[in-house]
PDB file of all heavy atoms in Angstrom:
ATOM      1  N   GLN A   1     178.708 133.265  40.583  1.00  0.00           N
ATOM      2  CA  GLN A   1     179.811 132.698  39.929  1.00  0.00           C
ATOM      3  C   GLN A   1     179.488 131.425  39.203  1.00  0.00           C
ATOM      4  O   GLN A   1     180.220 130.996  38.262  1.00  0.00           O
ATOM      5  CB  GLN A   1     180.973 132.425  40.889  1.00  0.00           C
ATOM      6  CG  GLN A   1     181.460 133.625  41.697  1.00  0.00           C
ATOM      7  CD  GLN A   1     182.582 133.256  42.641  1.00  0.00           C
ATOM      8  OE1 GLN A   1     183.494 132.540  42.293  1.00  0.00           O
ATOM      9  NE2 GLN A   1     182.459 133.719  43.907  1.00  0.00           N
ATOM     10  N   ALA A   2     178.405 130.783  39.583  1.00  0.00           N
ATOM     11  CA  ALA A   2     178.082 129.490  38.981  1.00  0.00           C
ATOM     12  C   ALA A   2     176.562 129.255  38.932  1.00  0.00           C
ATOM     13  O   ALA A   2     176.064 128.232  39.352  1.00  0.00           O
ATOM     14  CB  ALA A   2     178.746 128.363  39.759  1.00  0.00           C
ATOM     15  N   TRP A   3     175.855 130.269  38.416  1.00  0.00           N
ATOM     16  CA  TRP A   3     174.395 130.197  38.507  1.00  0.00           C
ATOM     17  C   TRP A   3     173.847 129.017  37.666  1.00  0.00           C
ATOM     18  O   TRP A   3     172.841 128.407  38.002  1.00  0.00           O
ATOM     19  CB  TRP A   3     173.792 131.510  37.976  1.00  0.00           C
ATOM     20  CG  TRP A   3     174.218 131.886  36.579  1.00  0.00           C
ATOM     21  CD1 TRP A   3     175.224 132.642  36.140  1.00  0.00           C
ATOM     22  CD2 TRP A   3     173.494 131.486  35.378  1.00  0.00           C
ATOM     23  NE1 TRP A   3     175.262 132.695  34.759  1.00  0.00           N
ATOM     24  CE2 TRP A   3     174.206 132.011  34.247  1.00  0.00           C
ATOM     25  CE3 TRP A   3     172.375 130.736  35.094  1.00  0.00           C
ATOM     26  CZ2 TRP A   3     173.828 131.822  32.941  1.00  0.00           C
ATOM     27  CZ3 TRP A   3     171.974 130.541  33.800  1.00  0.00           C
ATOM     28  CH2 TRP A   3     172.707 131.086  32.726  1.00  0.00           C
ATOM     29  N   LEU A   4     174.533 128.672  36.517  1.00  0.00           N
ATOM     30  CA  LEU A   4     174.060 127.573  35.745  1.00  0.00           C
ATOM     31  C   LEU A   4     174.230 126.225  36.402  1.00  0.00           C
ATOM     32  O   LEU A   4     173.351 125.335  36.372  1.00  0.00           O
ATOM     33  CB  LEU A   4     174.791 127.540  34.369  1.00  0.00           C
ATOM     34  CG  LEU A   4     174.287 126.555  33.319  1.00  0.00           C
ATOM     35  CD1 LEU A   4     172.816 126.847  32.987  1.00  0.00           C
ATOM     36  CD2 LEU A   4     175.152 126.629  32.051  1.00  0.00           C
ATOM     37  N   LEU A   5     175.322 126.032  37.086  1.00  0.00           N
ATOM     38  CA  LEU A   5     175.507 124.830  37.851  1.00  0.00           C
ATOM     39  C   LEU A   5     174.430 124.662  38.988  1.00  0.00           C
ATOM     40  O   LEU A   5     173.882 123.608  39.159  1.00  0.00           O
ATOM     41  CB  LEU A   5     176.934 124.861  38.542  1.00  0.00           C
ATOM     42  CG  LEU A   5     178.121 124.545  37.669  1.00  0.00           C
ATOM     43  CD1 LEU A   5     179.427 124.603  38.550  1.00  0.00           C
ATOM     44  CD2 LEU A   5     178.037 123.186  37.062  1.00  0.00           C
ATOM     45  N   LEU A   6     174.189 125.785  39.619  1.00  0.00           N
ATOM     46  CA  LEU A   6     173.142 125.728  40.673  1.00  0.00           C
ATOM     47  C   LEU A   6     171.757 125.456  40.078  1.00  0.00           C
ATOM     48  O   LEU A   6     170.961 124.785  40.663  1.00  0.00           O
ATOM     49  CB  LEU A   6     173.167 127.031  41.459  1.00  0.00           C
ATOM     50  CG  LEU A   6     174.457 127.291  42.160  1.00  0.00           C
ATOM     51  CD1 LEU A   6     174.405 128.697  42.880  1.00  0.00           C
ATOM     52  CD2 LEU A   6     174.767 126.212  43.239  1.00  0.00           C
ATOM     53  N   ALA A   7     171.459 126.064  38.883  1.00  0.00           N
ATOM     54  CA  ALA A   7     170.205 125.765  38.237  1.00  0.00           C
ATOM     55  C   ALA A   7     170.081 124.270  37.864  1.00  0.00           C
ATOM     56  O   ALA A   7     169.040 123.650  38.001  1.00  0.00           O
ATOM     57  CB  ALA A   7     170.047 126.621  37.009  1.00  0.00           C
ATOM     58  N   ALA A   8     171.196 123.737  37.478  1.00  0.00           N
ATOM     59  CA  ALA A   8     171.221 122.257  37.134  1.00  0.00           C
ATOM     60  C   ALA A   8     170.919 121.420  38.372  1.00  0.00           C
ATOM     61  O   ALA A   8     170.208 120.409  38.259  1.00  0.00           O
ATOM     62  CB  ALA A   8     172.605 121.858  36.584  1.00  0.00           C
ATOM     63  N   VAL A   9     171.433 121.822  39.506  1.00  0.00           N
ATOM     64  CA  VAL A   9     171.126 121.092  40.760  1.00  0.00           C
ATOM     65  C   VAL A   9     169.659 121.205  41.098  1.00  0.00           C
ATOM     66  O   VAL A   9     169.066 120.204  41.503  1.00  0.00           O
ATOM     67  CB  VAL A   9     171.988 121.652  41.922  1.00  0.00           C
ATOM     68  CG1 VAL A   9     171.595 120.979  43.229  1.00  0.00           C
ATOM     69  CG2 VAL A   9     173.477 121.383  41.664  1.00  0.00           C
ATOM     70  N   VAL A  10     169.060 122.332  40.977  1.00  0.00           N
ATOM     71  CA  VAL A  10     167.621 122.469  41.194  1.00  0.00           C
ATOM     72  C   VAL A  10     166.838 121.584  40.327  1.00  0.00           C
ATOM     73  O   VAL A  10     165.899 120.818  40.762  1.00  0.00           O
ATOM     74  CB  VAL A  10     167.202 123.975  41.009  1.00  0.00           C
ATOM     75  CG1 VAL A  10     165.672 124.131  41.040  1.00  0.00           C
ATOM     76  CG2 VAL A  10     167.819 124.889  42.060  1.00  0.00           C
ATOM     77  N   VAL A  11     167.185 121.511  39.029  1.00  0.00           N
ATOM     78  CA  VAL A  11     166.505 120.676  38.094  1.00  0.00           C
ATOM     79  C   VAL A  11     166.625 119.182  38.417  1.00  0.00           C
ATOM     80  O   VAL A  11     165.661 118.426  38.449  1.00  0.00           O
ATOM     81  CB  VAL A  11     166.960 120.921  36.632  1.00  0.00           C
ATOM     82  CG1 VAL A  11     166.407 119.884  35.686  1.00  0.00           C
ATOM     83  CG2 VAL A  11     166.567 122.316  36.218  1.00  0.00           C
ATOM     84  N   ALA A  12     167.920 118.757  38.764  1.00  0.00           N
ATOM     85  CA  ALA A  12     168.161 117.373  39.055  1.00  0.00           C
ATOM     86  C   ALA A  12     167.408 116.907  40.296  1.00  0.00           C
ATOM     87  O   ALA A  12     166.725 115.852  40.317  1.00  0.00           O
ATOM     88  CB  ALA A  12     169.664 117.141  39.300  1.00  0.00           C
ATOM     89  N   ALA A  13     167.374 117.769  41.378  1.00  0.00           N
ATOM     90  CA  ALA A  13     166.714 117.467  42.597  1.00  0.00           C
ATOM     91  C   ALA A  13     165.213 117.435  42.355  1.00  0.00           C
ATOM     92  O   ALA A  13     164.580 116.461  42.829  1.00  0.00           O
ATOM     93  CB  ALA A  13     167.064 118.483  43.656  1.00  0.00           C
ATOM     94  N   GLY A  14     164.698 118.470  41.703  1.00  0.00           N
ATOM     95  CA  GLY A  14     163.277 118.513  41.530  1.00  0.00           C
ATOM     96  C   GLY A  14     162.746 117.388  40.647  1.00  0.00           C
ATOM     97  O   GLY A  14     161.663 116.848  40.933  1.00  0.00           O
ATOM     98  N   PHE A  15     163.509 117.047  39.626  1.00  0.00           N
ATOM     99  CA  PHE A  15     163.125 115.897  38.749  1.00  0.00           C
ATOM    100  C   PHE A  15     163.057 114.630  39.548  1.00  0.00           C
ATOM    101  O   PHE A  15     162.068 113.893  39.464  1.00  0.00           O
ATOM    102  CB  PHE A  15     164.125 115.804  37.575  1.00  0.00           C
ATOM    103  CG  PHE A  15     163.791 114.708  36.639  1.00  0.00           C
ATOM    104  CD1 PHE A  15     163.075 115.036  35.506  1.00  0.00           C
ATOM    105  CD2 PHE A  15     164.151 113.402  36.857  1.00  0.00           C
ATOM    106  CE1 PHE A  15     162.675 114.037  34.532  1.00  0.00           C
ATOM    107  CE2 PHE A  15     163.782 112.407  35.886  1.00  0.00           C
ATOM    108  CZ  PHE A  15     163.068 112.767  34.769  1.00  0.00           C
ATOM    109  N   GLU A  16     164.099 114.302  40.284  1.00  0.00           N
ATOM    110  CA  GLU A  16     164.105 113.087  41.083  1.00  0.00           C
ATOM    111  C   GLU A  16     162.959 112.963  42.048  1.00  0.00           C
ATOM    112  O   GLU A  16     162.236 111.976  42.107  1.00  0.00           O
ATOM    113  CB  GLU A  16     165.423 112.941  41.802  1.00  0.00           C
ATOM    114  CG  GLU A  16     165.544 111.667  42.688  1.00  0.00           C
ATOM    115  CD  GLU A  16     166.844 111.555  43.380  1.00  0.00           C
ATOM    116  OE1 GLU A  16     167.015 112.276  44.387  1.00  0.00           O
ATOM    117  OE2 GLU A  16     167.630 110.722  43.090  1.00  0.00           O
ATOM    118  N   GLN A  17     162.715 114.032  42.833  1.00  0.00           N
ATOM    119  CA  GLN A  17     161.691 114.029  43.847  1.00  0.00           C
ATOM    120  C   GLN A  17     160.289 113.912  43.197  1.00  0.00           C
ATOM    121  O   GLN A  17     159.375 113.284  43.746  1.00  0.00           O
ATOM    122  CB  GLN A  17     161.823 115.233  44.725  1.00  0.00           C
ATOM    123  CG  GLN A  17     163.098 115.277  45.534  1.00  0.00           C
ATOM    124  CD  GLN A  17     163.304 114.111  46.430  1.00  0.00           C
ATOM    125  OE1 GLN A  17     162.367 113.664  47.099  1.00  0.00           O
ATOM    126  NE2 GLN A  17     164.478 113.537  46.399  1.00  0.00           N
ATOM    127  N   ALA A  18     160.133 114.671  42.114  1.00  0.00           N
ATOM    128  CA  ALA A  18     158.774 114.670  41.472  1.00  0.00           C
ATOM    129  C   ALA A  18     158.473 113.320  40.862  1.00  0.00           C
ATOM    130  O   ALA A  18     157.368 112.852  40.996  1.00  0.00           O
ATOM    131  CB  ALA A  18     158.768 115.773  40.373  1.00  0.00           C
ATOM    132  N   VAL A  19     159.465 112.702  40.246  1.00  0.00           N
ATOM    133  CA  VAL A  19     159.198 111.364  39.633  1.00  0.00           C
ATOM    134  C   VAL A  19     158.915 110.316  40.720  1.00  0.00           C
ATOM    135  O   VAL A  19     157.972 109.537  40.591  1.00  0.00           O
ATOM    136  CB  VAL A  19     160.398 110.980  38.734  1.00  0.00           C
ATOM    137  CG1 VAL A  19     160.290 109.491  38.367  1.00  0.00           C
ATOM    138  CG2 VAL A  19     160.459 111.807  37.507  1.00  0.00           C
ATOM    139  N   LEU A  20     159.728 110.325  41.758  1.00  0.00           N
ATOM    140  CA  LEU A  20     159.517 109.364  42.838  1.00  0.00           C
ATOM    141  C   LEU A  20     158.153 109.515  43.457  1.00  0.00           C
ATOM    142  O   LEU A  20     157.454 108.550  43.753  1.00  0.00           O
ATOM    143  CB  LEU A  20     160.568 109.488  43.959  1.00  0.00           C
ATOM    144  CG  LEU A  20     161.959 109.067  43.569  1.00  0.00           C
ATOM    145  CD1 LEU A  20     162.962 109.400  44.687  1.00  0.00           C
ATOM    146  CD2 LEU A  20     162.029 107.554  43.258  1.00  0.00           C
ATOM    147  N   ALA A  21     157.673 110.767  43.598  1.00  0.00           N
ATOM    148  CA  ALA A  21     156.365 111.033  44.215  1.00  0.00           C
ATOM    149  C   ALA A  21     155.198 110.851  43.252  1.00  0.00           C
ATOM    150  O   ALA A  21     154.118 110.380  43.699  1.00  0.00           O
ATOM    151  CB  ALA A  21     156.361 112.451  44.831  1.00  0.00           C
ATOM    152  N   LEU A  22     155.358 111.226  41.980  1.00  0.00           N
ATOM    153  CA  LEU A  22     154.211 111.337  41.123  1.00  0.00           C
ATOM    154  C   LEU A  22     154.133 110.318  40.001  1.00  0.00           C
ATOM    155  O   LEU A  22     153.098 110.234  39.343  1.00  0.00           O
ATOM    156  CB  LEU A  22     154.183 112.800  40.561  1.00  0.00           C
ATOM    157  CG  LEU A  22     153.970 113.893  41.645  1.00  0.00           C
ATOM    158  CD1 LEU A  22     154.202 115.244  40.983  1.00  0.00           C
ATOM    159  CD2 LEU A  22     152.602 113.786  42.251  1.00  0.00           C
ATOM    160  N   LEU A  23     155.221 109.592  39.720  1.00  0.00           N
ATOM    161  CA  LEU A  23     155.126 108.602  38.628  1.00  0.00           C
ATOM    162  C   LEU A  23     154.108 107.551  38.942  1.00  0.00           C
ATOM    163  O   LEU A  23     153.327 107.136  38.051  1.00  0.00           O
ATOM    164  CB  LEU A  23     156.467 107.943  38.404  1.00  0.00           C
ATOM    165  CG  LEU A  23     156.583 107.060  37.145  1.00  0.00           C
ATOM    166  CD1 LEU A  23     156.254 107.827  35.903  1.00  0.00           C
ATOM    167  CD2 LEU A  23     157.967 106.366  37.017  1.00  0.00           C
ATOM    168  N   PRO A  24     153.947 107.076  40.196  1.00  0.00           N
ATOM    169  CA  PRO A  24     152.856 106.163  40.475  1.00  0.00           C
ATOM    170  C   PRO A  24     151.460 106.710  40.202  1.00  0.00           C
ATOM    171  O   PRO A  24     150.565 106.017  39.703  1.00  0.00           O
ATOM    172  CB  PRO A  24     153.001 105.827  42.014  1.00  0.00           C
ATOM    173  CG  PRO A  24     154.475 106.067  42.244  1.00  0.00           C
ATOM    174  CD  PRO A  24     154.828 107.254  41.374  1.00  0.00           C
ATOM    175  N   VAL A  25     151.335 107.998  40.510  1.00  0.00           N
ATOM    176  CA  VAL A  25     150.018 108.710  40.187  1.00  0.00           C
ATOM    177  C   VAL A  25     149.824 108.686  38.681  1.00  0.00           C
ATOM    178  O   VAL A  25     148.714 108.551  38.197  1.00  0.00           O
ATOM    179  CB  VAL A  25     150.035 110.087  40.764  1.00  0.00           C
ATOM    180  CG1 VAL A  25     148.727 110.831  40.460  1.00  0.00           C
ATOM    181  CG2 VAL A  25     150.226 110.081  42.287  1.00  0.00           C
ATOM    182  N   TYR A  26     150.905 109.017  37.940  1.00  0.00           N
ATOM    183  CA  TYR A  26     150.806 109.029  36.474  1.00  0.00           C
ATOM    184  C   TYR A  26     150.358 107.699  35.935  1.00  0.00           C
ATOM    185  O   TYR A  26     149.552 107.605  35.029  1.00  0.00           O
ATOM    186  CB  TYR A  26     152.160 109.384  35.921  1.00  0.00           C
ATOM    187  CG  TYR A  26     152.282 109.485  34.385  1.00  0.00           C
ATOM    188  CD1 TYR A  26     151.899 110.641  33.748  1.00  0.00           C
ATOM    189  CD2 TYR A  26     152.707 108.438  33.650  1.00  0.00           C
ATOM    190  CE1 TYR A  26     152.012 110.765  32.336  1.00  0.00           C
ATOM    191  CE2 TYR A  26     152.769 108.495  32.330  1.00  0.00           C
ATOM    192  CZ  TYR A  26     152.431 109.659  31.634  1.00  0.00           C
ATOM    193  OH  TYR A  26     152.496 109.768  30.255  1.00  0.00           O
ATOM    194  N   GLY A  27     150.910 106.600  36.529  1.00  0.00           N
ATOM    195  CA  GLY A  27     150.548 105.280  36.033  1.00  0.00           C
ATOM    196  C   GLY A  27     149.107 104.925  36.249  1.00  0.00           C
ATOM    197  O   GLY A  27     148.518 104.199  35.419  1.00  0.00           O
ATOM    198  N   THR A  28     148.461 105.384  37.271  1.00  0.00           N
ATOM    199  CA  THR A  28     147.061 105.142  37.579  1.00  0.00           C
ATOM    200  C   THR A  28     146.188 105.663  36.397  1.00  0.00           C
ATOM    201  O   THR A  28     145.093 105.115  36.138  1.00  0.00           O
ATOM    202  CB  THR A  28     146.586 105.707  38.903  1.00  0.00           C
ATOM    203  OG1 THR A  28     146.710 107.099  38.897  1.00  0.00           O
ATOM    204  CG2 THR A  28     147.397 105.099  40.045  1.00  0.00           C
ATOM    205  N   HIS A  29     146.625 106.706  35.758  1.00  0.00           N
ATOM    206  CA  HIS A  29     145.869 107.284  34.644  1.00  0.00           C
ATOM    207  C   HIS A  29     145.692 106.231  33.519  1.00  0.00           C
ATOM    208  O   HIS A  29     144.685 106.222  32.778  1.00  0.00           O
ATOM    209  CB  HIS A  29     146.547 108.532  34.149  1.00  0.00           C
ATOM    210  CG  HIS A  29     145.904 109.096  32.897  1.00  0.00           C
ATOM    211  ND1 HIS A  29     144.734 109.853  32.895  1.00  0.00           N
ATOM    212  CD2 HIS A  29     146.358 109.030  31.590  1.00  0.00           C
ATOM    213  CE1 HIS A  29     144.451 110.201  31.708  1.00  0.00           C
ATOM    214  NE2 HIS A  29     145.397 109.744  30.823  1.00  0.00           N
ATOM    215  N   TYR A  30     146.704 105.388  33.377  1.00  0.00           N
ATOM    216  CA  TYR A  30     146.704 104.362  32.329  1.00  0.00           C
ATOM    217  C   TYR A  30     146.253 103.005  32.883  1.00  0.00           C
ATOM    218  O   TYR A  30     146.310 102.001  32.148  1.00  0.00           O
ATOM    219  CB  TYR A  30     148.125 104.212  31.736  1.00  0.00           C
ATOM    220  CG  TYR A  30     148.540 105.448  30.954  1.00  0.00           C
ATOM    221  CD1 TYR A  30     149.261 106.460  31.576  1.00  0.00           C
ATOM    222  CD2 TYR A  30     148.292 105.552  29.589  1.00  0.00           C
ATOM    223  CE1 TYR A  30     149.640 107.588  30.863  1.00  0.00           C
ATOM    224  CE2 TYR A  30     148.740 106.679  28.888  1.00  0.00           C
ATOM    225  CZ  TYR A  30     149.383 107.707  29.546  1.00  0.00           C
ATOM    226  OH  TYR A  30     149.810 108.818  28.882  1.00  0.00           O
ATOM    227  N   GLY A  31     145.792 102.994  34.097  1.00  0.00           N
ATOM    228  CA  GLY A  31     145.308 101.742  34.731  1.00  0.00           C
ATOM    229  C   GLY A  31     146.398 100.732  35.062  1.00  0.00           C
ATOM    230  O   GLY A  31     146.201  99.533  35.048  1.00  0.00           O
ATOM    231  N   ILE A  32     147.668 101.227  35.199  1.00  0.00           N
ATOM    232  CA  ILE A  32     148.749 100.366  35.476  1.00  0.00           C
ATOM    233  C   ILE A  32     148.823  99.984  36.935  1.00  0.00           C
ATOM    234  O   ILE A  32     148.655 100.826  37.829  1.00  0.00           O
ATOM    235  CB  ILE A  32     150.061 101.027  35.025  1.00  0.00           C
ATOM    236  CG1 ILE A  32     150.066 101.284  33.528  1.00  0.00           C
ATOM    237  CG2 ILE A  32     151.296 100.154  35.428  1.00  0.00           C
ATOM    238  CD1 ILE A  32     151.251 102.099  33.019  1.00  0.00           C
ATOM    239  N   ALA A  33     149.013  98.742  37.248  1.00  0.00           N
ATOM    240  CA  ALA A  33     149.044  98.240  38.645  1.00  0.00           C
ATOM    241  C   ALA A  33     150.136  98.888  39.426  1.00  0.00           C
ATOM    242  O   ALA A  33     151.222  99.187  38.899  1.00  0.00           O
ATOM    243  CB  ALA A  33     149.161  96.728  38.687  1.00  0.00           C
ATOM    244  N   GLU A  34     149.891  99.006  40.778  1.00  0.00           N
ATOM    245  CA  GLU A  34     150.834  99.590  41.621  1.00  0.00           C
ATOM    246  C   GLU A  34     152.180  98.838  41.638  1.00  0.00           C
ATOM    247  O   GLU A  34     153.278  99.393  41.691  1.00  0.00           O
ATOM    248  CB  GLU A  34     150.353  99.707  43.055  1.00  0.00           C
ATOM    249  CG  GLU A  34     149.247 100.702  43.251  1.00  0.00           C
ATOM    250  CD  GLU A  34     148.742 100.802  44.731  1.00  0.00           C
ATOM    251  OE1 GLU A  34     149.382 100.113  45.529  1.00  0.00           O
ATOM    252  OE2 GLU A  34     147.808 101.542  44.954  1.00  0.00           O
ATOM    253  N   ALA A  35     152.075  97.496  41.586  1.00  0.00           N
ATOM    254  CA  ALA A  35     153.255  96.680  41.584  1.00  0.00           C
ATOM    255  C   ALA A  35     154.147  96.985  40.385  1.00  0.00           C
ATOM    256  O   ALA A  35     155.400  97.025  40.488  1.00  0.00           O
ATOM    257  CB  ALA A  35     152.876  95.197  41.589  1.00  0.00           C
ATOM    258  N   ARG A  36     153.528  97.141  39.226  1.00  0.00           N
ATOM    259  CA  ARG A  36     154.344  97.415  37.982  1.00  0.00           C
ATOM    260  C   ARG A  36     154.950  98.834  38.082  1.00  0.00           C
ATOM    261  O   ARG A  36     156.098  99.006  37.665  1.00  0.00           O
ATOM    262  CB  ARG A  36     153.397  97.333  36.745  1.00  0.00           C
ATOM    263  CG  ARG A  36     154.146  97.482  35.425  1.00  0.00           C
ATOM    264  CD  ARG A  36     153.265  97.116  34.256  1.00  0.00           C
ATOM    265  NE  ARG A  36     154.004  96.994  33.002  1.00  0.00           N
ATOM    266  CZ  ARG A  36     154.118  97.993  32.146  1.00  0.00           C
ATOM    267  NH1 ARG A  36     153.511  99.138  32.339  1.00  0.00           N
ATOM    268  NH2 ARG A  36     154.833  97.821  30.986  1.00  0.00           N
ATOM    269  N   MET A  37     154.230  99.778  38.638  1.00  0.00           N
ATOM    270  CA  MET A  37     154.823 101.131  38.769  1.00  0.00           C
ATOM    271  C   MET A  37     155.931 101.141  39.757  1.00  0.00           C
ATOM    272  O   MET A  37     156.926 101.811  39.553  1.00  0.00           O
ATOM    273  CB  MET A  37     153.705 102.130  39.217  1.00  0.00           C
ATOM    274  CG  MET A  37     152.677 102.394  38.118  1.00  0.00           C
ATOM    275  SD  MET A  37     153.302 102.794  36.473  1.00  0.00           S
ATOM    276  CE  MET A  37     154.175 104.285  36.813  1.00  0.00           C
ATOM    277  N   SER A  38     155.813 100.346  40.810  1.00  0.00           N
ATOM    278  CA  SER A  38     156.913 100.247  41.783  1.00  0.00           C
ATOM    279  C   SER A  38     158.170  99.638  41.103  1.00  0.00           C
ATOM    280  O   SER A  38     159.309 100.008  41.323  1.00  0.00           O
ATOM    281  CB  SER A  38     156.473  99.387  43.031  1.00  0.00           C
ATOM    282  OG  SER A  38     155.390 100.019  43.653  1.00  0.00           O
ATOM    283  N   ALA A  39     157.880  98.634  40.274  1.00  0.00           N
ATOM    284  CA  ALA A  39     158.987  98.045  39.529  1.00  0.00           C
ATOM    285  C   ALA A  39     159.646  98.979  38.609  1.00  0.00           C
ATOM    286  O   ALA A  39     160.891  98.967  38.421  1.00  0.00           O
ATOM    287  CB  ALA A  39     158.466  96.738  38.798  1.00  0.00           C
TER     288      ALA A  39
END
């Protein structure tokens, strides 16, 4: 009955968790300090 709403939830959750976990890793590629990535 609401497959698109549920797909949106999957995307929102996956995006948030992936960014929190992997954005610091992404920053190291550019030589950005951990403190700046945390900020």
